[in-house]
Amino acid sequence: MDELTDDFEIIGRIVRDAENECLIKKGVYWKLDVIDVRWFKNDKPTKGIRLNIEEARNLMNILKRELE
């Protein structure tokens, strides 16, 4: 699928339709633990974001605040 994150563990998936899905993965990139959130269309990456763990926690707090 995505050569940059092939070694990462898939920890979540959001299926939008038959062609589009978002994969949430965790792994190590340049010796940092990261979370990678990336959209795929027909198994090819289109856009995404890679966050270190501190950034991912900050994003989670913002989303929790806005979705409650």
N, C-alpha and C. Protein backbone atom coordinates (compact mmCIF):
# COMPACT_ATOMS: atom_id res chain seq x y z
N MET A 1 0.82 -1.20 0.00
CA MET A 1 0.00 0.00 0.00
C MET A 1 0.85 1.26 0.00
N ASP A 2 1.47 1.58 1.14
CA ASP A 2 2.25 2.81 1.27
C ASP A 2 3.64 2.44 1.75
N GLU A 3 4.63 2.59 0.90
CA GLU A 3 5.98 2.17 1.22
C GLU A 3 6.53 2.84 2.47
N LEU A 4 6.14 4.08 2.74
CA LEU A 4 6.65 4.78 3.90
C LEU A 4 6.13 4.23 5.22
N THR A 5 4.98 3.56 5.21
CA THR A 5 4.40 3.07 6.46
C THR A 5 4.11 1.58 6.41
N ASP A 6 4.69 0.85 5.48
CA ASP A 6 4.42 -0.58 5.38
C ASP A 6 4.77 -1.33 6.66
N ASP A 7 5.79 -0.89 7.39
CA ASP A 7 6.19 -1.56 8.62
C ASP A 7 5.38 -1.12 9.83
N PHE A 8 4.51 -0.15 9.68
CA PHE A 8 3.70 0.35 10.78
C PHE A 8 2.53 -0.59 11.03
N GLU A 9 2.05 -0.58 12.26
CA GLU A 9 0.90 -1.40 12.66
C GLU A 9 -0.40 -0.62 12.44
N ILE A 10 -1.36 -1.23 11.75
CA ILE A 10 -2.66 -0.60 11.58
C ILE A 10 -3.43 -0.69 12.89
N ILE A 11 -3.83 0.46 13.43
CA ILE A 11 -4.56 0.48 14.69
C ILE A 11 -6.00 0.92 14.52
N GLY A 12 -6.35 1.35 13.31
CA GLY A 12 -7.72 1.76 13.05
C GLY A 12 -7.95 1.98 11.57
N ARG A 13 -9.21 1.96 11.20
CA ARG A 13 -9.58 2.11 9.79
C ARG A 13 -10.94 2.78 9.73
N ILE A 14 -11.07 3.75 8.84
CA ILE A 14 -12.35 4.41 8.60
C ILE A 14 -12.66 4.23 7.12
N VAL A 15 -13.70 3.48 6.82
CA VAL A 15 -14.07 3.24 5.43
C VAL A 15 -15.11 4.28 5.03
N ARG A 16 -14.80 5.02 3.99
CA ARG A 16 -15.73 6.04 3.50
C ARG A 16 -16.66 5.43 2.45
N ASP A 17 -16.10 4.69 1.51
CA ASP A 17 -16.88 4.02 0.47
C ASP A 17 -16.01 2.92 -0.14
N ALA A 18 -16.43 2.35 -1.24
CA ALA A 18 -15.71 1.22 -1.83
C ALA A 18 -14.31 1.58 -2.31
N GLU A 19 -14.05 2.85 -2.56
CA GLU A 19 -12.74 3.26 -3.08
C GLU A 19 -11.87 4.00 -2.08
N ASN A 20 -12.48 4.58 -1.05
CA ASN A 20 -11.75 5.46 -0.13
C ASN A 20 -11.80 4.96 1.30
N GLU A 21 -10.63 5.00 1.96
CA GLU A 21 -10.57 4.67 3.37
C GLU A 21 -9.41 5.42 4.01
N CYS A 22 -9.51 5.59 5.31
CA CYS A 22 -8.47 6.23 6.10
C CYS A 22 -7.86 5.16 6.99
N LEU A 23 -6.53 5.04 6.95
CA LEU A 23 -5.84 4.10 7.82
C LEU A 23 -5.10 4.88 8.89
N ILE A 24 -5.24 4.42 10.13
CA ILE A 24 -4.51 4.99 11.24
C ILE A 24 -3.49 3.95 11.67
N LYS A 25 -2.21 4.35 11.62
CA LYS A 25 -1.13 3.41 11.92
C LYS A 25 -0.22 3.99 12.98
N LYS A 26 0.50 3.09 13.67
CA LYS A 26 1.54 3.55 14.60
C LYS A 26 2.83 2.85 14.25
N GLY A 27 3.92 3.54 14.51
CA GLY A 27 5.22 2.97 14.20
C GLY A 27 6.33 3.90 14.65
N VAL A 28 7.53 3.60 14.17
CA VAL A 28 8.71 4.41 14.51
C VAL A 28 9.24 5.01 13.22
N TYR A 29 9.45 6.32 13.24
CA TYR A 29 9.97 7.06 12.09
C TYR A 29 11.09 7.96 12.59
N TRP A 30 12.27 7.80 12.07
CA TRP A 30 13.45 8.54 12.52
C TRP A 30 13.60 8.46 14.05
N LYS A 31 13.46 7.25 14.60
CA LYS A 31 13.61 6.95 16.03
C LYS A 31 12.56 7.61 16.91
N LEU A 32 11.48 8.08 16.32
CA LEU A 32 10.37 8.67 17.08
C LEU A 32 9.12 7.81 16.93
N ASP A 33 8.41 7.58 18.03
CA ASP A 33 7.11 6.93 17.95
C ASP A 33 6.13 7.90 17.31
N VAL A 34 5.42 7.44 16.30
CA VAL A 34 4.51 8.32 15.57
C VAL A 34 3.18 7.64 15.33
N ILE A 35 2.18 8.47 15.06
CA ILE A 35 0.87 8.05 14.58
C ILE A 35 0.73 8.61 13.17
N ASP A 36 0.34 7.78 12.24
CA ASP A 36 0.19 8.19 10.84
C ASP A 36 -1.28 8.03 10.46
N VAL A 37 -1.90 9.10 10.03
CA VAL A 37 -3.30 9.10 9.60
C VAL A 37 -3.30 9.46 8.12
N ARG A 38 -3.74 8.53 7.28
CA ARG A 38 -3.59 8.74 5.84
C ARG A 38 -4.81 8.22 5.08
N TRP A 39 -5.29 9.03 4.14
CA TRP A 39 -6.38 8.63 3.26
C TRP A 39 -5.83 7.88 2.06
N PHE A 40 -6.54 6.85 1.66
CA PHE A 40 -6.18 6.05 0.50
C PHE A 40 -7.35 6.01 -0.46
N LYS A 41 -7.05 6.06 -1.75
CA LYS A 41 -8.05 5.87 -2.79
C LYS A 41 -7.54 4.73 -3.66
N ASN A 42 -8.33 3.66 -3.75
CA ASN A 42 -7.93 2.47 -4.50
C ASN A 42 -6.54 2.00 -4.07
N ASP A 43 -6.33 1.91 -2.76
CA ASP A 43 -5.10 1.42 -2.14
C ASP A 43 -3.87 2.29 -2.39
N LYS A 44 -4.05 3.53 -2.83
CA LYS A 44 -2.93 4.45 -3.04
C LYS A 44 -3.10 5.65 -2.11
N PRO A 45 -2.04 6.04 -1.40
CA PRO A 45 -2.16 7.17 -0.48
C PRO A 45 -2.43 8.47 -1.23
N THR A 46 -3.34 9.28 -0.67
CA THR A 46 -3.66 10.56 -1.30
C THR A 46 -3.21 11.73 -0.43
N LYS A 47 -3.54 11.71 0.84
CA LYS A 47 -3.11 12.76 1.75
C LYS A 47 -3.12 12.23 3.17
N GLY A 48 -2.38 12.89 4.03
CA GLY A 48 -2.34 12.42 5.40
C GLY A 48 -1.48 13.30 6.27
N ILE A 49 -1.31 12.83 7.50
CA ILE A 49 -0.51 13.56 8.48
C ILE A 49 0.19 12.54 9.37
N ARG A 50 1.43 12.86 9.71
CA ARG A 50 2.19 12.03 10.65
C ARG A 50 2.51 12.89 11.85
N LEU A 51 2.16 12.38 13.03
CA LEU A 51 2.33 13.13 14.28
C LEU A 51 3.16 12.34 15.26
N ASN A 52 4.05 13.03 16.00
CA ASN A 52 4.70 12.33 17.10
C ASN A 52 3.66 12.15 18.20
N ILE A 53 3.99 11.40 19.22
CA ILE A 53 2.99 11.04 20.24
C ILE A 53 2.46 12.27 20.97
N GLU A 54 3.32 13.23 21.28
CA GLU A 54 2.86 14.44 21.96
C GLU A 54 1.88 15.22 21.07
N GLU A 55 2.19 15.35 19.81
CA GLU A 55 1.30 16.03 18.88
C GLU A 55 -0.03 15.29 18.75
N ALA A 56 0.04 13.96 18.71
CA ALA A 56 -1.18 13.16 18.60
C ALA A 56 -2.06 13.34 19.83
N ARG A 57 -1.45 13.43 21.00
CA ARG A 57 -2.23 13.67 22.23
C ARG A 57 -2.89 15.04 22.19
N ASN A 58 -2.17 16.04 21.72
CA ASN A 58 -2.76 17.38 21.60
C ASN A 58 -3.93 17.36 20.64
N LEU A 59 -3.79 16.69 19.51
CA LEU A 59 -4.88 16.57 18.55
C LEU A 59 -6.07 15.85 19.17
N MET A 60 -5.82 14.78 19.92
CA MET A 60 -6.89 14.04 20.56
C MET A 60 -7.65 14.93 21.55
N ASN A 61 -6.93 15.74 22.30
CA ASN A 61 -7.59 16.65 23.25
C ASN A 61 -8.47 17.67 22.54
N ILE A 62 -7.98 18.20 21.44
CA ILE A 62 -8.78 19.16 20.66
C ILE A 62 -10.05 18.49 20.12
N LEU A 63 -9.90 17.30 19.57
CA LEU A 63 -11.06 16.59 19.01
C LEU A 63 -12.06 16.23 20.10
N LYS A 64 -11.58 15.77 21.25
CA LYS A 64 -12.49 15.45 22.37
C LYS A 64 -13.28 16.70 22.78
N ARG A 65 -12.57 17.82 22.90
CA ARG A 65 -13.22 19.07 23.30
C ARG A 65 -14.30 19.47 22.30
N GLU A 66 -14.03 19.34 21.03
CA GLU A 66 -14.96 19.79 19.99
C GLU A 66 -16.10 18.81 19.75
N LEU A 67 -15.90 17.55 20.06
CA LEU A 67 -16.93 16.54 19.78
C LEU A 67 -17.81 16.22 20.97
N GLU A 68 -17.49 16.74 22.14
CA GLU A 68 -18.33 16.46 23.32
C GLU A 68 -19.52 17.36 23.38
